[in-house]
């Protein structure tokens, strides 16, 4: 099983949304929220979500979630690239 980097990826997306918006379309960017049980508060998954608003106040949900079915076998990829 490979490590998941949902925290790091969500943080990078949030920082990019805040830092770079030359057109001025992106409004407030909310904090990264963890996927916690709604009443007990325990950790349910590595999924991270943030709410982003545009300049008109419309809200969007940005989610970073593992997709294990689509994982790439890094060792196999490395082997194929070095064999070329």
PDB file of N, CA and C in Angstrom:
ATOM      1  N   UNK A   1       0.849  -1.174   0.000  1.00  0.00           N
ATOM      2  CA  UNK A   1       0.000   0.000   0.000  1.00  0.00           C
ATOM      3  C   UNK A   1       0.899   1.244   0.000  1.00  0.00           C
ATOM      4  N   UNK A   2       0.570   2.204  -0.839  1.00  0.00           N
ATOM      5  CA  UNK A   2       1.331   3.445  -0.929  1.00  0.00           C
ATOM      6  C   UNK A   2       0.769   4.498   0.017  1.00  0.00           C
ATOM      7  N   UNK A   3       1.629   5.419   0.420  1.00  0.00           N
ATOM      8  CA  UNK A   3       1.192   6.536   1.247  1.00  0.00           C
ATOM      9  C   UNK A   3       0.267   7.446   0.448  1.00  0.00           C
ATOM     10  N   UNK A   4      -0.644   8.109   1.139  1.00  0.00           N
ATOM     11  CA  UNK A   4      -1.538   9.084   0.506  1.00  0.00           C
ATOM     12  C   UNK A   4      -1.095  10.487   0.928  1.00  0.00           C
ATOM     13  N   UNK A   5      -1.149  11.418  -0.002  1.00  0.00           N
ATOM     14  CA  UNK A   5      -0.711  12.786   0.260  1.00  0.00           C
ATOM     15  C   UNK A   5      -1.850  13.795   0.083  1.00  0.00           C
ATOM     16  N   UNK A   6      -3.045  13.425   0.486  1.00  0.00           N
ATOM     17  CA  UNK A   6      -4.203  14.310   0.352  1.00  0.00           C
ATOM     18  C   UNK A   6      -3.984  15.643   1.066  1.00  0.00           C
ATOM     19  N   UNK A   7      -3.376  15.611   2.251  1.00  0.00           N
ATOM     20  CA  UNK A   7      -3.121  16.848   3.003  1.00  0.00           C
ATOM     21  C   UNK A   7      -2.240  17.794   2.202  1.00  0.00           C
ATOM     22  N   UNK A   8      -1.143  17.272   1.689  1.00  0.00           N
ATOM     23  CA  UNK A   8      -0.172  18.099   0.960  1.00  0.00           C
ATOM     24  C   UNK A   8      -0.772  18.640  -0.333  1.00  0.00           C
ATOM     25  N   UNK A   9      -1.495  17.799  -1.051  1.00  0.00           N
ATOM     26  CA  UNK A   9      -2.102  18.222  -2.320  1.00  0.00           C
ATOM     27  C   UNK A   9      -3.174  19.283  -2.067  1.00  0.00           C
ATOM     28  N   UNK A  10      -4.034  19.078  -1.068  1.00  0.00           N
ATOM     29  CA  UNK A  10      -5.074  20.058  -0.745  1.00  0.00           C
ATOM     30  C   UNK A  10      -4.451  21.387  -0.327  1.00  0.00           C
ATOM     31  N   UNK A  11      -3.375  21.333   0.460  1.00  0.00           N
ATOM     32  CA  UNK A  11      -2.694  22.557   0.896  1.00  0.00           C
ATOM     33  C   UNK A  11      -2.105  23.295  -0.308  1.00  0.00           C
ATOM     34  N   UNK A  12      -1.496  22.568  -1.237  1.00  0.00           N
ATOM     35  CA  UNK A  12      -0.913  23.190  -2.436  1.00  0.00           C
ATOM     36  C   UNK A  12      -1.996  23.843  -3.296  1.00  0.00           C
ATOM     37  N   UNK A  13      -3.137  23.191  -3.444  1.00  0.00           N
ATOM     38  CA  UNK A  13      -4.249  23.754  -4.225  1.00  0.00           C
ATOM     39  C   UNK A  13      -4.766  25.020  -3.554  1.00  0.00           C
ATOM     40  N   UNK A  14      -4.951  24.966  -2.244  1.00  0.00           N
ATOM     41  CA  UNK A  14      -5.457  26.138  -1.510  1.00  0.00           C
ATOM     42  C   UNK A  14      -4.518  27.329  -1.665  1.00  0.00           C
ATOM     43  N   UNK A  15      -3.227  27.091  -1.466  1.00  0.00           N
ATOM     44  CA  UNK A  15      -2.253  28.177  -1.595  1.00  0.00           C
ATOM     45  C   UNK A  15      -2.240  28.747  -3.017  1.00  0.00           C
ATOM     46  N   UNK A  16      -2.345  27.877  -4.013  1.00  0.00           N
ATOM     47  CA  UNK A  16      -2.362  28.341  -5.405  1.00  0.00           C
ATOM     48  C   UNK A  16      -3.609  29.174  -5.697  1.00  0.00           C
ATOM     49  N   UNK A  17      -4.755  28.762  -5.173  1.00  0.00           N
ATOM     50  CA  UNK A  17      -5.989  29.528  -5.378  1.00  0.00           C
ATOM     51  C   UNK A  17      -5.899  30.909  -4.735  1.00  0.00           C
ATOM     52  N   UNK A  18      -5.296  30.982  -3.564  1.00  0.00           N
ATOM     53  CA  UNK A  18      -5.165  32.261  -2.864  1.00  0.00           C
ATOM     54  C   UNK A  18      -4.139  33.164  -3.550  1.00  0.00           C
ATOM     55  N   UNK A  19      -3.024  32.587  -3.962  1.00  0.00           N
ATOM     56  CA  UNK A  19      -1.892  33.370  -4.468  1.00  0.00           C
ATOM     57  C   UNK A  19      -2.068  33.856  -5.903  1.00  0.00           C
ATOM     58  N   UNK A  20      -2.563  33.011  -6.782  1.00  0.00           N
ATOM     59  CA  UNK A  20      -2.556  33.337  -8.205  1.00  0.00           C
ATOM     60  C   UNK A  20      -3.965  33.423  -8.776  1.00  0.00           C
ATOM     61  N   UNK A  21      -4.448  34.635  -8.983  1.00  0.00           N
ATOM     62  CA  UNK A  21      -5.750  34.853  -9.615  1.00  0.00           C
ATOM     63  C   UNK A  21      -5.690  36.154 -10.408  1.00  0.00           C
ATOM     64  N   UNK A  22      -4.972  36.162 -11.538  1.00  0.00           N
ATOM     65  CA  UNK A  22      -4.803  37.400 -12.303  1.00  0.00           C
ATOM     66  C   UNK A  22      -6.112  37.984 -12.845  1.00  0.00           C
ATOM     67  N   UNK A  23      -7.150  37.156 -13.004  1.00  0.00           N
ATOM     68  CA  UNK A  23      -8.421  37.652 -13.537  1.00  0.00           C
ATOM     69  C   UNK A  23      -9.353  38.182 -12.449  1.00  0.00           C
ATOM     70  N   UNK A  24      -9.054  37.884 -11.189  1.00  0.00           N
ATOM     71  CA  UNK A  24      -9.881  38.367 -10.087  1.00  0.00           C
ATOM     72  C   UNK A  24     -11.198  37.634  -9.924  1.00  0.00           C
ATOM     73  N   UNK A  25     -11.310  36.443 -10.472  1.00  0.00           N
ATOM     74  CA  UNK A  25     -12.565  35.681 -10.390  1.00  0.00           C
ATOM     75  C   UNK A  25     -12.716  34.978  -9.053  1.00  0.00           C
ATOM     76  N   UNK A  26     -11.610  34.533  -8.474  1.00  0.00           N
ATOM     77  CA  UNK A  26     -11.674  33.754  -7.242  1.00  0.00           C
ATOM     78  C   UNK A  26     -11.844  34.676  -6.046  1.00  0.00           C
ATOM     79  N   UNK A  27     -12.852  34.361  -5.242  1.00  0.00           N
ATOM     80  CA  UNK A  27     -13.110  35.127  -4.024  1.00  0.00           C
ATOM     81  C   UNK A  27     -12.513  34.416  -2.833  1.00  0.00           C
ATOM     82  N   UNK A  28     -13.199  34.422  -1.710  1.00  0.00           N
ATOM     83  CA  UNK A  28     -12.670  33.777  -0.506  1.00  0.00           C
ATOM     84  C   UNK A  28     -12.455  32.274  -0.703  1.00  0.00           C
ATOM     85  N   UNK A  29     -11.344  31.792  -0.152  1.00  0.00           N
ATOM     86  CA  UNK A  29     -11.019  30.365  -0.172  1.00  0.00           C
ATOM     87  C   UNK A  29     -11.037  29.882   1.272  1.00  0.00           C
ATOM     88  N   UNK A  30     -11.906  28.926   1.556  1.00  0.00           N
ATOM     89  CA  UNK A  30     -12.035  28.429   2.917  1.00  0.00           C
ATOM     90  C   UNK A  30     -10.890  27.525   3.333  1.00  0.00           C
ATOM     91  N   UNK A  31     -10.868  27.195   4.603  1.00  0.00           N
ATOM     92  CA  UNK A  31      -9.856  26.293   5.150  1.00  0.00           C
ATOM     93  C   UNK A  31     -10.088  24.870   4.646  1.00  0.00           C
ATOM     94  N   UNK A  32      -9.033  24.079   4.658  1.00  0.00           N
ATOM     95  CA  UNK A  32      -9.136  22.671   4.285  1.00  0.00           C
ATOM     96  C   UNK A  32      -9.809  21.921   5.431  1.00  0.00           C
ATOM     97  N   UNK A  33     -10.870  21.207   5.103  1.00  0.00           N
ATOM     98  CA  UNK A  33     -11.640  20.454   6.095  1.00  0.00           C
ATOM     99  C   UNK A  33     -11.352  18.959   5.959  1.00  0.00           C
ATOM    100  N   UNK A  34     -11.183  18.282   7.075  1.00  0.00           N
ATOM    101  CA  UNK A  34     -10.977  16.838   7.073  1.00  0.00           C
ATOM    102  C   UNK A  34     -12.319  16.117   7.018  1.00  0.00           C
ATOM    103  N   UNK A  35     -12.285  14.867   6.587  1.00  0.00           N
ATOM    104  CA  UNK A  35     -13.483  14.029   6.513  1.00  0.00           C
ATOM    105  C   UNK A  35     -13.687  13.344   7.859  1.00  0.00           C
ATOM    106  N   UNK A  36     -14.413  14.015   8.743  1.00  0.00           N
ATOM    107  CA  UNK A  36     -14.650  13.505  10.092  1.00  0.00           C
ATOM    108  C   UNK A  36     -16.094  13.039  10.242  1.00  0.00           C
ATOM    109  N   UNK A  37     -16.299  12.088  11.114  1.00  0.00           N
ATOM    110  CA  UNK A  37     -17.656  11.611  11.409  1.00  0.00           C
ATOM    111  C   UNK A  37     -18.470  12.796  11.920  1.00  0.00           C
ATOM    112  N   UNK A  38     -19.698  12.974  11.421  1.00  0.00           N
ATOM    113  CA  UNK A  38     -20.475  14.173  11.750  1.00  0.00           C
ATOM    114  C   UNK A  38     -20.837  14.353  13.229  1.00  0.00           C
ATOM    115  N   UNK A  39     -20.986  13.272  13.977  1.00  0.00           N
ATOM    116  CA  UNK A  39     -21.361  13.431  15.384  1.00  0.00           C
ATOM    117  C   UNK A  39     -20.262  13.010  16.352  1.00  0.00           C
ATOM    118  N   UNK A  40     -19.484  11.996  15.996  1.00  0.00           N
ATOM    119  CA  UNK A  40     -18.441  11.487  16.891  1.00  0.00           C
ATOM    120  C   UNK A  40     -17.091  12.158  16.662  1.00  0.00           C
ATOM    121  N   UNK A  41     -16.881  12.706  15.459  1.00  0.00           N
ATOM    122  CA  UNK A  41     -15.667  13.447  15.171  1.00  0.00           C
ATOM    123  C   UNK A  41     -14.437  12.622  14.835  1.00  0.00           C
ATOM    124  N   UNK A  42     -14.595  11.308  14.663  1.00  0.00           N
ATOM    125  CA  UNK A  42     -13.419  10.511  14.330  1.00  0.00           C
ATOM    126  C   UNK A  42     -13.123  10.557  12.837  1.00  0.00           C
ATOM    127  N   UNK A  43     -11.870  10.296  12.519  1.00  0.00           N
ATOM    128  CA  UNK A  43     -11.332  10.349  11.160  1.00  0.00           C
ATOM    129  C   UNK A  43     -11.973   9.254  10.314  1.00  0.00           C
ATOM    130  N   UNK A  44     -12.630   9.636   9.199  1.00  0.00           N
ATOM    131  CA  UNK A  44     -13.287   8.652   8.338  1.00  0.00           C
ATOM    132  C   UNK A  44     -12.449   8.270   7.128  1.00  0.00           C
ATOM    133  N   UNK A  45     -11.772   9.245   6.528  1.00  0.00           N
ATOM    134  CA  UNK A  45     -10.939   8.964   5.353  1.00  0.00           C
ATOM    135  C   UNK A  45      -9.919  10.080   5.194  1.00  0.00           C
ATOM    136  N   UNK A  46      -9.054   9.933   4.213  1.00  0.00           N
ATOM    137  CA  UNK A  46      -8.034  10.948   3.948  1.00  0.00           C
ATOM    138  C   UNK A  46      -8.579  12.093   3.085  1.00  0.00           C
ATOM    139  N   UNK A  47      -9.835  12.022   2.703  1.00  0.00           N
ATOM    140  CA  UNK A  47     -10.445  13.054   1.847  1.00  0.00           C
ATOM    141  C   UNK A  47     -10.366  14.432   2.501  1.00  0.00           C
ATOM    142  N   UNK A  48     -10.049  15.433   1.679  1.00  0.00           N
ATOM    143  CA  UNK A  48      -9.984  16.827   2.135  1.00  0.00           C
ATOM    144  C   UNK A  48     -10.880  17.661   1.229  1.00  0.00           C
ATOM    145  N   UNK A  49     -11.571  18.640   1.827  1.00  0.00           N
ATOM    146  CA  UNK A  49     -12.495  19.497   1.081  1.00  0.00           C
ATOM    147  C   UNK A  49     -12.311  20.942   1.503  1.00  0.00           C
ATOM    148  N   UNK A  50     -12.465  21.858   0.549  1.00  0.00           N
ATOM    149  CA  UNK A  50     -12.473  23.284   0.873  1.00  0.00           C
ATOM    150  C   UNK A  50     -13.570  23.952   0.046  1.00  0.00           C
ATOM    151  N   UNK A  51     -14.126  25.012   0.579  1.00  0.00           N
ATOM    152  CA  UNK A  51     -15.142  25.785  -0.126  1.00  0.00           C
ATOM    153  C   UNK A  51     -14.471  27.024  -0.709  1.00  0.00           C
ATOM    154  N   UNK A  52     -14.728  27.249  -1.988  1.00  0.00           N
ATOM    155  CA  UNK A  52     -14.170  28.401  -2.702  1.00  0.00           C
ATOM    156  C   UNK A  52     -15.336  29.192  -3.281  1.00  0.00           C
ATOM    157  N   UNK A  53     -15.280  30.509  -3.163  1.00  0.00           N
ATOM    158  CA  UNK A  53     -16.306  31.386  -3.727  1.00  0.00           C
ATOM    159  C   UNK A  53     -15.735  32.142  -4.912  1.00  0.00           C
ATOM    160  N   UNK A  54     -16.602  32.450  -5.872  1.00  0.00           N
ATOM    161  CA  UNK A  54     -16.169  33.295  -6.976  1.00  0.00           C
ATOM    162  C   UNK A  54     -16.516  34.751  -6.653  1.00  0.00           C
ATOM    163  N   UNK A  55     -16.208  35.652  -7.582  1.00  0.00           N
ATOM    164  CA  UNK A  55     -16.404  37.084  -7.333  1.00  0.00           C
ATOM    165  C   UNK A  55     -17.878  37.461  -7.195  1.00  0.00           C
ATOM    166  N   UNK A  56     -18.782  36.559  -7.618  1.00  0.00           N
ATOM    167  CA  UNK A  56     -20.219  36.812  -7.489  1.00  0.00           C
ATOM    168  C   UNK A  56     -20.818  36.167  -6.245  1.00  0.00           C
ATOM    169  N   UNK A  57     -19.976  35.532  -5.426  1.00  0.00           N
ATOM    170  CA  UNK A  57     -20.459  34.904  -4.206  1.00  0.00           C
ATOM    171  C   UNK A  57     -20.909  33.471  -4.369  1.00  0.00           C
ATOM    172  N   UNK A  58     -20.827  32.911  -5.581  1.00  0.00           N
ATOM    173  CA  UNK A  58     -21.222  31.520  -5.812  1.00  0.00           C
ATOM    174  C   UNK A  58     -20.190  30.602  -5.172  1.00  0.00           C
ATOM    175  N   UNK A  59     -20.667  29.581  -4.455  1.00  0.00           N
ATOM    176  CA  UNK A  59     -19.786  28.664  -3.733  1.00  0.00           C
ATOM    177  C   UNK A  59     -19.490  27.409  -4.551  1.00  0.00           C
ATOM    178  N   UNK A  60     -18.261  26.914  -4.404  1.00  0.00           N
ATOM    179  CA  UNK A  60     -17.796  25.691  -5.062  1.00  0.00           C
ATOM    180  C   UNK A  60     -17.116  24.819  -4.020  1.00  0.00           C
ATOM    181  N   UNK A  61     -17.239  23.532  -4.169  1.00  0.00           N
ATOM    182  CA  UNK A  61     -16.557  22.589  -3.296  1.00  0.00           C
ATOM    183  C   UNK A  61     -15.396  21.981  -4.072  1.00  0.00           C
ATOM    184  N   UNK A  62     -14.184  22.083  -3.510  1.00  0.00           N
ATOM    185  CA  UNK A  62     -12.998  21.486  -4.111  1.00  0.00           C
ATOM    186  C   UNK A  62     -12.585  20.331  -3.214  1.00  0.00           C
ATOM    187  N   UNK A  63     -12.521  19.126  -3.778  1.00  0.00           N
ATOM    188  CA  UNK A  63     -12.247  17.935  -2.994  1.00  0.00           C
ATOM    189  C   UNK A  63     -11.016  17.208  -3.513  1.00  0.00           C
ATOM    190  N   UNK A  64     -10.176  16.776  -2.584  1.00  0.00           N
ATOM    191  CA  UNK A  64      -9.030  15.925  -2.901  1.00  0.00           C
ATOM    192  C   UNK A  64      -9.311  14.588  -2.235  1.00  0.00           C
ATOM    193  N   UNK A  65      -9.381  13.540  -3.058  1.00  0.00           N
ATOM    194  CA  UNK A  65      -9.764  12.233  -2.542  1.00  0.00           C
ATOM    195  C   UNK A  65      -8.946  11.154  -3.239  1.00  0.00           C
ATOM    196  N   UNK A  66      -8.485  10.192  -2.485  1.00  0.00           N
ATOM    197  CA  UNK A  66      -7.725   9.085  -3.064  1.00  0.00           C
ATOM    198  C   UNK A  66      -8.564   8.326  -4.089  1.00  0.00           C
ATOM    199  N   UNK A  67      -7.901   7.844  -5.130  1.00  0.00           N
ATOM    200  CA  UNK A  67      -8.537   7.008  -6.142  1.00  0.00           C
ATOM    201  C   UNK A  67      -7.663   5.763  -6.349  1.00  0.00           C
ATOM    202  N   UNK A  68      -7.666   4.828  -5.389  1.00  0.00           N
ATOM    203  CA  UNK A  68      -6.760   3.686  -5.434  1.00  0.00           C
ATOM    204  C   UNK A  68      -6.879   2.842  -6.700  1.00  0.00           C
ATOM    205  N   UNK A  69      -8.044   2.802  -7.295  1.00  0.00           N
ATOM    206  CA  UNK A  69      -8.238   2.006  -8.511  1.00  0.00           C
ATOM    207  C   UNK A  69      -7.383   2.542  -9.657  1.00  0.00           C
ATOM    208  N   UNK A  70      -7.064   3.829  -9.618  1.00  0.00           N
ATOM    209  CA  UNK A  70      -6.305   4.462 -10.692  1.00  0.00           C
ATOM    210  C   UNK A  70      -4.816   4.590 -10.381  1.00  0.00           C
ATOM    211  N   UNK A  71      -4.356   4.018  -9.264  1.00  0.00           N
ATOM    212  CA  UNK A  71      -2.946   4.108  -8.886  1.00  0.00           C
ATOM    213  C   UNK A  71      -2.045   3.556  -9.989  1.00  0.00           C
ATOM    214  N   UNK A  72      -0.879   4.157 -10.117  1.00  0.00           N
ATOM    215  CA  UNK A  72       0.134   3.714 -11.066  1.00  0.00           C
ATOM    216  C   UNK A  72       1.176   2.925 -10.283  1.00  0.00           C
ATOM    217  N   UNK A  73       1.596   1.794 -10.831  1.00  0.00           N
ATOM    218  CA  UNK A  73       2.667   1.024 -10.213  1.00  0.00           C
ATOM    219  C   UNK A  73       3.972   1.745 -10.502  1.00  0.00           C
ATOM    220  N   UNK A  74       4.488   2.483  -9.522  1.00  0.00           N
ATOM    221  CA  UNK A  74       5.669   3.327  -9.701  1.00  0.00           C
ATOM    222  C   UNK A  74       6.870   2.496 -10.112  1.00  0.00           C
ATOM    223  N   UNK A  75       7.072   1.327  -9.522  1.00  0.00           N
ATOM    224  CA  UNK A  75       8.210   0.484  -9.875  1.00  0.00           C
ATOM    225  C   UNK A  75       8.131   0.042 -11.330  1.00  0.00           C
ATOM    226  N   UNK A  76       6.949  -0.328 -11.789  1.00  0.00           N
ATOM    227  CA  UNK A  76       6.772  -0.747 -13.186  1.00  0.00           C
ATOM    228  C   UNK A  76       6.993   0.424 -14.122  1.00  0.00           C
ATOM    229  N   UNK A  77       6.477   1.595 -13.779  1.00  0.00           N
ATOM    230  CA  UNK A  77       6.649   2.800 -14.607  1.00  0.00           C
ATOM    231  C   UNK A  77       8.138   3.141 -14.723  1.00  0.00           C
ATOM    232  N   UNK A  78       8.865   3.098 -13.601  1.00  0.00           N
ATOM    233  CA  UNK A  78      10.288   3.384 -13.608  1.00  0.00           C
ATOM    234  C   UNK A  78      11.021   2.403 -14.512  1.00  0.00           C
ATOM    235  N   UNK A  79      10.660   1.120 -14.404  1.00  0.00           N
ATOM    236  CA  UNK A  79      11.298   0.091 -15.218  1.00  0.00           C
ATOM    237  C   UNK A  79      11.053   0.341 -16.704  1.00  0.00           C
ATOM    238  N   UNK A  80       9.802   0.706 -17.068  1.00  0.00           N
ATOM    239  CA  UNK A  80       9.481   0.946 -18.473  1.00  0.00           C
ATOM    240  C   UNK A  80      10.218   2.181 -19.018  1.00  0.00           C
ATOM    241  N   UNK A  81      10.349   3.230 -18.202  1.00  0.00           N
ATOM    242  CA  UNK A  81      11.032   4.450 -18.652  1.00  0.00           C
ATOM    243  C   UNK A  81      12.535   4.231 -18.814  1.00  0.00           C
ATOM    244  N   UNK A  82      13.135   3.455 -17.941  1.00  0.00           N
ATOM    245  CA  UNK A  82      14.578   3.221 -18.035  1.00  0.00           C
ATOM    246  C   UNK A  82      14.924   2.217 -19.120  1.00  0.00           C
ATOM    247  N   UNK A  83      13.976   1.416 -19.549  1.00  0.00           N
ATOM    248  CA  UNK A  83      14.216   0.425 -20.600  1.00  0.00           C
ATOM    249  C   UNK A  83      14.231   1.050 -21.987  1.00  0.00           C
ATOM    250  N   UNK A  84      13.737   2.262 -22.111  1.00  0.00           N
ATOM    251  CA  UNK A  84      13.669   2.939 -23.422  1.00  0.00           C
ATOM    252  C   UNK A  84      15.014   3.380 -23.905  1.00  0.00           C
TER     253      UNK A  84
END
